[in-house]
Amino acid sequence: MTDRPIDPDVDLHVPAQRVEPRGPVLAAIAAGGALGALARYGVQVALPGGPAAFPWATFWVNVSGCLLIGVLMVVITEVRRAHRLTRPFLGVGVLGGYTTFSTYAVDVQRTVEAGAAATGLVYLVATMAAALVAVVVGIRLTRRLAGRR
C-alpha cells in the first residue's frame, strides 16, 4: 500500500466520471472558492511586502494550504466517510481558492524584475520544497493522530 491517500470516488476509466461538475458540485466549489480567496486576501493584507522582498504571505498561504490538503485527504478517504460535497467544497473550493500558485509565479517574476533575482530563486525553490513537505507532514500527522499507519 502507498503512503498517499487514494481518490476512491473517481475512476477515469469510467466515462461518466470524466464529466465536468454541475449543479450542487459546482455550487459547492464556487462557495468554497469564494471563502478560500477571502482567506488568502486576508493573509495578503496582514503580511504586505515590497516588490523585491520575499513574498511571505504567498509562501505561508501555499504551505499552510498544502498542509491542510494533506490533512483533508486523509480525513475524508481514510478516517471517515464524507458527504459527497465535502471534497469539492473544502478541497477544490476552499483550499483551491486559498492556495495560489499563479500568484507564486507572478511573485517570482516581480522579485526578479525588481532586481532581487537571488530572492526570487530562493522563493521559487523554498515554496515548492516547503509545499511538498507540508503535504507529507499533513498526511503523516493526521494518520498518526487518527491511529492509522
N, C-alpha and C. Protein backbone atom coordinates (compact mmCIF):
# COMPACT_ATOMS: atom_id res chain seq x y z
N MET A 1 0.83 -1.19 0.00
CA MET A 1 0.00 0.00 0.00
C MET A 1 0.87 1.25 0.00
N THR A 2 0.44 2.24 -0.72
CA THR A 2 1.16 3.51 -0.78
C THR A 2 0.88 4.32 0.48
N ASP A 3 1.75 5.26 0.81
CA ASP A 3 1.50 6.08 1.99
C ASP A 3 0.71 7.34 1.65
N ARG A 4 0.26 7.45 0.40
CA ARG A 4 -0.57 8.58 -0.02
C ARG A 4 -2.02 8.14 -0.09
N PRO A 5 -2.94 9.04 0.24
CA PRO A 5 -4.36 8.67 0.13
C PRO A 5 -4.76 8.44 -1.32
N ILE A 6 -5.63 7.50 -1.54
CA ILE A 6 -6.12 7.18 -2.86
C ILE A 6 -7.49 7.83 -3.05
N ASP A 7 -7.72 8.39 -4.22
CA ASP A 7 -9.00 9.02 -4.52
C ASP A 7 -10.00 7.91 -4.85
N PRO A 8 -10.90 7.57 -3.92
CA PRO A 8 -11.77 6.43 -4.11
C PRO A 8 -13.00 6.71 -4.97
N ASP A 9 -13.30 7.96 -5.25
CA ASP A 9 -14.56 8.22 -5.94
C ASP A 9 -14.41 8.71 -7.37
N VAL A 10 -13.22 8.63 -7.95
CA VAL A 10 -13.05 8.99 -9.35
C VAL A 10 -12.26 7.88 -10.04
N ASP A 11 -12.88 7.30 -11.05
CA ASP A 11 -12.21 6.31 -11.88
C ASP A 11 -12.26 6.83 -13.30
N LEU A 12 -11.12 7.31 -13.81
CA LEU A 12 -11.09 7.91 -15.13
C LEU A 12 -11.35 6.91 -16.26
N HIS A 13 -11.38 5.62 -15.95
CA HIS A 13 -11.73 4.61 -16.94
C HIS A 13 -13.24 4.56 -17.16
N VAL A 14 -14.00 5.17 -16.28
CA VAL A 14 -15.45 5.21 -16.40
C VAL A 14 -15.84 6.55 -17.01
N PRO A 15 -16.36 6.53 -18.27
CA PRO A 15 -16.67 7.79 -18.95
C PRO A 15 -17.58 8.73 -18.16
N ALA A 16 -18.52 8.20 -17.43
CA ALA A 16 -19.45 9.05 -16.67
C ALA A 16 -18.74 9.85 -15.58
N GLN A 17 -17.58 9.37 -15.12
CA GLN A 17 -16.84 10.07 -14.06
C GLN A 17 -15.89 11.12 -14.62
N ARG A 18 -15.80 11.23 -15.95
CA ARG A 18 -14.91 12.22 -16.57
C ARG A 18 -15.64 13.48 -16.96
N VAL A 19 -16.86 13.67 -16.53
CA VAL A 19 -17.65 14.84 -16.92
C VAL A 19 -17.32 16.03 -16.03
N GLU A 20 -17.59 17.21 -16.55
CA GLU A 20 -17.38 18.44 -15.79
C GLU A 20 -18.42 18.52 -14.67
N PRO A 21 -18.06 19.13 -13.53
CA PRO A 21 -19.02 19.25 -12.42
C PRO A 21 -20.19 20.14 -12.78
N ARG A 22 -21.37 19.81 -12.23
CA ARG A 22 -22.58 20.59 -12.45
C ARG A 22 -23.35 20.71 -11.15
N GLY A 23 -24.37 21.55 -11.16
CA GLY A 23 -25.32 21.67 -10.07
C GLY A 23 -24.69 21.86 -8.72
N PRO A 24 -25.05 20.98 -7.78
CA PRO A 24 -24.57 21.14 -6.40
C PRO A 24 -23.05 21.09 -6.27
N VAL A 25 -22.41 20.28 -7.09
CA VAL A 25 -20.94 20.19 -7.01
C VAL A 25 -20.31 21.52 -7.42
N LEU A 26 -20.79 22.09 -8.50
CA LEU A 26 -20.26 23.36 -8.97
C LEU A 26 -20.56 24.48 -7.96
N ALA A 27 -21.74 24.45 -7.37
CA ALA A 27 -22.09 25.45 -6.35
C ALA A 27 -21.19 25.31 -5.13
N ALA A 28 -20.90 24.07 -4.72
CA ALA A 28 -20.02 23.84 -3.57
C ALA A 28 -18.61 24.36 -3.86
N ILE A 29 -18.12 24.11 -5.06
CA ILE A 29 -16.79 24.58 -5.44
C ILE A 29 -16.75 26.11 -5.45
N ALA A 30 -17.79 26.73 -6.03
CA ALA A 30 -17.83 28.19 -6.11
C ALA A 30 -17.89 28.83 -4.72
N ALA A 31 -18.75 28.30 -3.86
CA ALA A 31 -18.88 28.85 -2.50
C ALA A 31 -17.58 28.67 -1.73
N GLY A 32 -16.99 27.50 -1.82
CA GLY A 32 -15.73 27.25 -1.14
C GLY A 32 -14.61 28.11 -1.70
N GLY A 33 -14.59 28.28 -3.01
CA GLY A 33 -13.56 29.11 -3.64
C GLY A 33 -13.63 30.56 -3.18
N ALA A 34 -14.85 31.06 -3.03
CA ALA A 34 -15.01 32.44 -2.55
C ALA A 34 -14.46 32.57 -1.14
N LEU A 35 -14.77 31.60 -0.28
CA LEU A 35 -14.25 31.65 1.10
C LEU A 35 -12.73 31.53 1.13
N GLY A 36 -12.19 30.62 0.34
CA GLY A 36 -10.74 30.45 0.29
C GLY A 36 -10.03 31.69 -0.22
N ALA A 37 -10.58 32.32 -1.25
CA ALA A 37 -9.98 33.54 -1.80
C ALA A 37 -10.03 34.68 -0.79
N LEU A 38 -11.13 34.77 -0.04
CA LEU A 38 -11.21 35.80 1.01
C LEU A 38 -10.16 35.56 2.10
N ALA A 39 -9.96 34.30 2.47
CA ALA A 39 -8.95 33.98 3.48
C ALA A 39 -7.56 34.34 2.97
N ARG A 40 -7.29 34.02 1.71
CA ARG A 40 -5.98 34.36 1.13
C ARG A 40 -5.80 35.88 1.11
N TYR A 41 -6.82 36.60 0.73
CA TYR A 41 -6.75 38.06 0.71
C TYR A 41 -6.42 38.60 2.10
N GLY A 42 -7.06 38.01 3.11
CA GLY A 42 -6.79 38.43 4.48
C GLY A 42 -5.34 38.24 4.87
N VAL A 43 -4.75 37.12 4.48
CA VAL A 43 -3.33 36.88 4.78
C VAL A 43 -2.47 37.88 4.00
N GLN A 44 -2.81 38.14 2.74
CA GLN A 44 -2.03 39.09 1.94
C GLN A 44 -2.06 40.49 2.55
N VAL A 45 -3.21 40.89 3.08
CA VAL A 45 -3.33 42.21 3.72
C VAL A 45 -2.54 42.24 5.03
N ALA A 46 -2.58 41.14 5.77
CA ALA A 46 -1.88 41.08 7.06
C ALA A 46 -0.36 41.04 6.91
N LEU A 47 0.12 40.51 5.79
CA LEU A 47 1.57 40.37 5.58
C LEU A 47 2.01 41.03 4.27
N PRO A 48 1.88 42.34 4.16
CA PRO A 48 2.26 43.00 2.91
C PRO A 48 3.77 42.96 2.70
N GLY A 49 4.18 43.06 1.46
CA GLY A 49 5.61 43.07 1.16
C GLY A 49 5.89 43.89 -0.08
N GLY A 50 7.11 44.35 -0.20
CA GLY A 50 7.51 45.13 -1.36
C GLY A 50 7.88 44.23 -2.52
N PRO A 51 8.09 44.82 -3.71
CA PRO A 51 8.37 44.04 -4.91
C PRO A 51 9.68 43.24 -4.85
N ALA A 52 10.67 43.71 -4.11
CA ALA A 52 11.94 42.99 -4.03
C ALA A 52 12.04 42.13 -2.77
N ALA A 53 11.03 42.19 -1.92
CA ALA A 53 11.06 41.42 -0.66
C ALA A 53 10.58 40.00 -0.88
N PHE A 54 10.96 39.12 0.01
CA PHE A 54 10.48 37.74 -0.03
C PHE A 54 8.97 37.77 0.20
N PRO A 55 8.17 37.16 -0.68
CA PRO A 55 6.71 37.20 -0.57
C PRO A 55 6.18 36.24 0.50
N TRP A 56 6.33 36.63 1.75
CA TRP A 56 5.97 35.74 2.86
C TRP A 56 4.49 35.36 2.87
N ALA A 57 3.62 36.28 2.52
CA ALA A 57 2.18 35.98 2.55
C ALA A 57 1.85 34.82 1.62
N THR A 58 2.30 34.91 0.38
CA THR A 58 2.01 33.85 -0.58
C THR A 58 2.70 32.55 -0.17
N PHE A 59 3.90 32.66 0.34
CA PHE A 59 4.62 31.48 0.81
C PHE A 59 3.81 30.75 1.89
N TRP A 60 3.36 31.49 2.92
CA TRP A 60 2.64 30.85 4.02
C TRP A 60 1.26 30.36 3.61
N VAL A 61 0.62 31.08 2.70
CA VAL A 61 -0.67 30.62 2.18
C VAL A 61 -0.50 29.26 1.48
N ASN A 62 0.48 29.17 0.61
CA ASN A 62 0.66 27.93 -0.14
C ASN A 62 1.11 26.77 0.74
N VAL A 63 1.99 27.04 1.66
CA VAL A 63 2.48 25.97 2.55
C VAL A 63 1.36 25.51 3.49
N SER A 64 0.66 26.44 4.11
CA SER A 64 -0.42 26.04 5.02
C SER A 64 -1.56 25.37 4.26
N GLY A 65 -1.84 25.84 3.05
CA GLY A 65 -2.87 25.20 2.23
C GLY A 65 -2.51 23.78 1.87
N CYS A 66 -1.25 23.55 1.55
CA CYS A 66 -0.80 22.18 1.22
C CYS A 66 -0.86 21.27 2.45
N LEU A 67 -0.50 21.80 3.60
CA LEU A 67 -0.63 21.03 4.84
C LEU A 67 -2.09 20.61 5.05
N LEU A 68 -3.00 21.56 4.88
CA LEU A 68 -4.42 21.27 5.07
C LEU A 68 -4.98 20.32 4.03
N ILE A 69 -4.45 20.36 2.81
CA ILE A 69 -4.86 19.41 1.78
C ILE A 69 -4.46 18.00 2.19
N GLY A 70 -3.25 17.85 2.74
CA GLY A 70 -2.83 16.54 3.23
C GLY A 70 -3.72 16.04 4.34
N VAL A 71 -4.07 16.92 5.28
CA VAL A 71 -4.97 16.55 6.38
C VAL A 71 -6.33 16.16 5.83
N LEU A 72 -6.89 17.00 4.98
CA LEU A 72 -8.23 16.76 4.44
C LEU A 72 -8.31 15.43 3.71
N MET A 73 -7.35 15.15 2.87
CA MET A 73 -7.43 13.92 2.07
C MET A 73 -7.39 12.66 2.94
N VAL A 74 -6.61 12.68 3.99
CA VAL A 74 -6.59 11.52 4.90
C VAL A 74 -7.92 11.42 5.64
N VAL A 75 -8.41 12.53 6.14
CA VAL A 75 -9.66 12.50 6.90
C VAL A 75 -10.81 11.97 6.04
N ILE A 76 -10.94 12.46 4.81
CA ILE A 76 -12.10 12.06 4.01
C ILE A 76 -11.92 10.77 3.22
N THR A 77 -10.70 10.25 3.15
CA THR A 77 -10.52 8.98 2.43
C THR A 77 -10.18 7.81 3.34
N GLU A 78 -9.67 8.10 4.54
CA GLU A 78 -9.24 7.01 5.41
C GLU A 78 -9.88 7.00 6.79
N VAL A 79 -10.23 8.16 7.31
CA VAL A 79 -10.71 8.24 8.68
C VAL A 79 -12.23 8.10 8.76
N ARG A 80 -12.93 8.84 7.93
CA ARG A 80 -14.38 8.75 7.96
C ARG A 80 -14.96 9.04 6.60
N ARG A 81 -16.11 8.49 6.38
CA ARG A 81 -16.81 8.72 5.11
C ARG A 81 -17.38 10.13 5.11
N ALA A 82 -17.08 10.87 4.07
CA ALA A 82 -17.51 12.26 3.99
C ALA A 82 -18.69 12.40 3.02
N HIS A 83 -19.46 13.43 3.23
CA HIS A 83 -20.54 13.79 2.30
C HIS A 83 -19.93 14.01 0.92
N ARG A 84 -20.67 13.72 -0.11
CA ARG A 84 -20.12 13.81 -1.47
C ARG A 84 -19.69 15.22 -1.87
N LEU A 85 -20.16 16.23 -1.17
CA LEU A 85 -19.77 17.60 -1.49
C LEU A 85 -18.63 18.13 -0.63
N THR A 86 -18.15 17.30 0.30
CA THR A 86 -17.08 17.75 1.19
C THR A 86 -15.81 18.07 0.43
N ARG A 87 -15.36 17.15 -0.40
CA ARG A 87 -14.11 17.41 -1.13
C ARG A 87 -14.27 18.54 -2.13
N PRO A 88 -15.36 18.60 -2.92
CA PRO A 88 -15.48 19.76 -3.81
C PRO A 88 -15.51 21.08 -3.05
N PHE A 89 -16.21 21.12 -1.91
CA PHE A 89 -16.29 22.37 -1.16
C PHE A 89 -14.95 22.71 -0.50
N LEU A 90 -14.41 21.78 0.30
CA LEU A 90 -13.19 22.08 1.05
C LEU A 90 -11.92 21.95 0.21
N GLY A 91 -11.78 20.85 -0.52
CA GLY A 91 -10.54 20.61 -1.26
C GLY A 91 -10.39 21.49 -2.49
N VAL A 92 -11.36 21.39 -3.40
CA VAL A 92 -11.27 22.16 -4.64
C VAL A 92 -11.63 23.62 -4.39
N GLY A 93 -12.68 23.86 -3.62
CA GLY A 93 -13.16 25.22 -3.39
C GLY A 93 -12.32 26.00 -2.41
N VAL A 94 -12.47 25.70 -1.11
CA VAL A 94 -11.78 26.49 -0.08
C VAL A 94 -10.27 26.44 -0.26
N LEU A 95 -9.69 25.26 -0.30
CA LEU A 95 -8.23 25.18 -0.38
C LEU A 95 -7.71 25.53 -1.76
N GLY A 96 -8.51 25.27 -2.80
CA GLY A 96 -8.12 25.70 -4.14
C GLY A 96 -8.14 27.20 -4.28
N GLY A 97 -9.12 27.85 -3.66
CA GLY A 97 -9.20 29.30 -3.68
C GLY A 97 -8.19 29.96 -2.75
N TYR A 98 -7.83 29.25 -1.70
CA TYR A 98 -6.87 29.76 -0.72
C TYR A 98 -5.44 29.70 -1.26
N THR A 99 -5.04 28.54 -1.76
CA THR A 99 -3.69 28.42 -2.30
C THR A 99 -3.63 29.15 -3.62
N THR A 100 -2.43 29.60 -3.99
CA THR A 100 -2.32 30.42 -5.18
C THR A 100 -0.96 30.25 -5.84
N PHE A 101 -0.85 29.23 -6.65
CA PHE A 101 0.41 29.03 -7.32
C PHE A 101 0.56 29.95 -8.53
N SER A 102 -0.52 30.58 -8.99
CA SER A 102 -0.38 31.58 -10.04
C SER A 102 0.26 32.85 -9.46
N THR A 103 -0.14 33.24 -8.25
CA THR A 103 0.49 34.39 -7.61
C THR A 103 1.94 34.08 -7.28
N TYR A 104 2.22 32.84 -6.93
CA TYR A 104 3.60 32.38 -6.68
C TYR A 104 4.46 32.66 -7.91
N ALA A 105 3.97 32.32 -9.09
CA ALA A 105 4.74 32.55 -10.32
C ALA A 105 4.92 34.05 -10.58
N VAL A 106 3.88 34.84 -10.35
CA VAL A 106 3.97 36.29 -10.53
C VAL A 106 4.94 36.89 -9.51
N ASP A 107 4.91 36.39 -8.27
CA ASP A 107 5.84 36.88 -7.24
C ASP A 107 7.29 36.63 -7.64
N VAL A 108 7.57 35.47 -8.20
CA VAL A 108 8.94 35.18 -8.65
C VAL A 108 9.34 36.19 -9.72
N GLN A 109 8.46 36.41 -10.68
CA GLN A 109 8.74 37.36 -11.76
C GLN A 109 8.96 38.76 -11.20
N ARG A 110 8.13 39.19 -10.27
CA ARG A 110 8.26 40.54 -9.70
C ARG A 110 9.58 40.72 -8.96
N THR A 111 9.96 39.72 -8.18
CA THR A 111 11.21 39.87 -7.43
C THR A 111 12.40 39.95 -8.38
N VAL A 112 12.37 39.15 -9.43
CA VAL A 112 13.47 39.18 -10.40
C VAL A 112 13.50 40.53 -11.12
N GLU A 113 12.33 41.01 -11.56
CA GLU A 113 12.26 42.30 -12.24
C GLU A 113 12.64 43.46 -11.33
N ALA A 114 12.45 43.30 -10.02
CA ALA A 114 12.82 44.35 -9.06
C ALA A 114 14.31 44.31 -8.71
N GLY A 115 15.06 43.42 -9.36
CA GLY A 115 16.49 43.35 -9.13
C GLY A 115 16.89 42.42 -7.99
N ALA A 116 15.96 41.60 -7.53
CA ALA A 116 16.25 40.67 -6.43
C ALA A 116 16.17 39.23 -6.94
N ALA A 117 17.01 38.93 -7.92
CA ALA A 117 16.98 37.60 -8.54
C ALA A 117 17.28 36.50 -7.52
N ALA A 118 18.20 36.74 -6.60
CA ALA A 118 18.52 35.72 -5.59
C ALA A 118 17.30 35.45 -4.71
N THR A 119 16.59 36.50 -4.31
CA THR A 119 15.38 36.33 -3.51
C THR A 119 14.33 35.54 -4.30
N GLY A 120 14.18 35.88 -5.57
CA GLY A 120 13.24 35.17 -6.42
C GLY A 120 13.57 33.70 -6.55
N LEU A 121 14.84 33.39 -6.70
CA LEU A 121 15.27 31.99 -6.81
C LEU A 121 15.05 31.23 -5.51
N VAL A 122 15.41 31.84 -4.39
CA VAL A 122 15.18 31.20 -3.09
C VAL A 122 13.69 30.95 -2.88
N TYR A 123 12.87 31.95 -3.19
CA TYR A 123 11.42 31.83 -3.06
C TYR A 123 10.88 30.72 -3.96
N LEU A 124 11.36 30.66 -5.19
CA LEU A 124 10.93 29.64 -6.15
C LEU A 124 11.17 28.23 -5.60
N VAL A 125 12.36 27.98 -5.12
CA VAL A 125 12.73 26.66 -4.62
C VAL A 125 12.11 26.39 -3.24
N ALA A 126 12.18 27.37 -2.36
CA ALA A 126 11.68 27.16 -0.99
C ALA A 126 10.18 26.90 -0.96
N THR A 127 9.42 27.60 -1.78
CA THR A 127 7.97 27.38 -1.79
C THR A 127 7.63 25.98 -2.24
N MET A 128 8.22 25.54 -3.32
CA MET A 128 7.92 24.20 -3.83
C MET A 128 8.34 23.13 -2.83
N ALA A 129 9.53 23.26 -2.27
CA ALA A 129 10.00 22.27 -1.30
C ALA A 129 9.13 22.27 -0.05
N ALA A 130 8.84 23.44 0.48
CA ALA A 130 8.04 23.52 1.70
C ALA A 130 6.61 23.03 1.47
N ALA A 131 6.04 23.32 0.30
CA ALA A 131 4.68 22.86 0.00
C ALA A 131 4.62 21.34 -0.08
N LEU A 132 5.59 20.73 -0.71
CA LEU A 132 5.63 19.26 -0.80
C LEU A 132 5.82 18.63 0.58
N VAL A 133 6.72 19.20 1.37
CA VAL A 133 6.93 18.70 2.73
C VAL A 133 5.65 18.87 3.55
N ALA A 134 4.96 19.98 3.37
CA ALA A 134 3.74 20.24 4.13
C ALA A 134 2.66 19.20 3.84
N VAL A 135 2.51 18.80 2.59
CA VAL A 135 1.52 17.77 2.25
C VAL A 135 1.86 16.46 2.97
N VAL A 136 3.12 16.08 2.91
CA VAL A 136 3.55 14.83 3.56
C VAL A 136 3.35 14.92 5.07
N VAL A 137 3.71 16.04 5.67
CA VAL A 137 3.51 16.23 7.11
C VAL A 137 2.03 16.16 7.45
N GLY A 138 1.19 16.81 6.66
CA GLY A 138 -0.25 16.75 6.90
C GLY A 138 -0.79 15.34 6.85
N ILE A 139 -0.35 14.57 5.87
CA ILE A 139 -0.78 13.17 5.73
C ILE A 139 -0.31 12.35 6.93
N ARG A 140 0.97 12.41 7.22
CA ARG A 140 1.53 11.57 8.29
C ARG A 140 1.02 11.96 9.67
N LEU A 141 0.93 13.23 9.95
CA LEU A 141 0.43 13.70 11.24
C LEU A 141 -1.03 13.29 11.44
N THR A 142 -1.83 13.46 10.41
CA THR A 142 -3.25 13.08 10.51
C THR A 142 -3.40 11.59 10.71
N ARG A 143 -2.62 10.81 9.98
CA ARG A 143 -2.68 9.35 10.17
C ARG A 143 -2.27 8.97 11.58
N ARG A 144 -1.24 9.60 12.10
CA ARG A 144 -0.78 9.29 13.44
C ARG A 144 -1.84 9.64 14.47
N LEU A 145 -2.43 10.84 14.35
CA LEU A 145 -3.47 11.27 15.28
C LEU A 145 -4.72 10.41 15.18
N ALA A 146 -4.98 9.88 13.99
CA ALA A 146 -6.17 9.04 13.78
C ALA A 146 -5.89 7.57 14.11
N GLY A 147 -4.64 7.26 14.48
CA GLY A 147 -4.30 5.88 14.80
C GLY A 147 -4.17 4.99 13.58
N ARG A 148 -3.86 5.59 12.42
CA ARG A 148 -3.67 4.84 11.18
C ARG A 148 -2.18 4.69 10.91
N ARG A 149 -1.84 3.71 10.08
CA ARG A 149 -0.44 3.51 9.72
C ARG A 149 -0.04 4.45 8.62
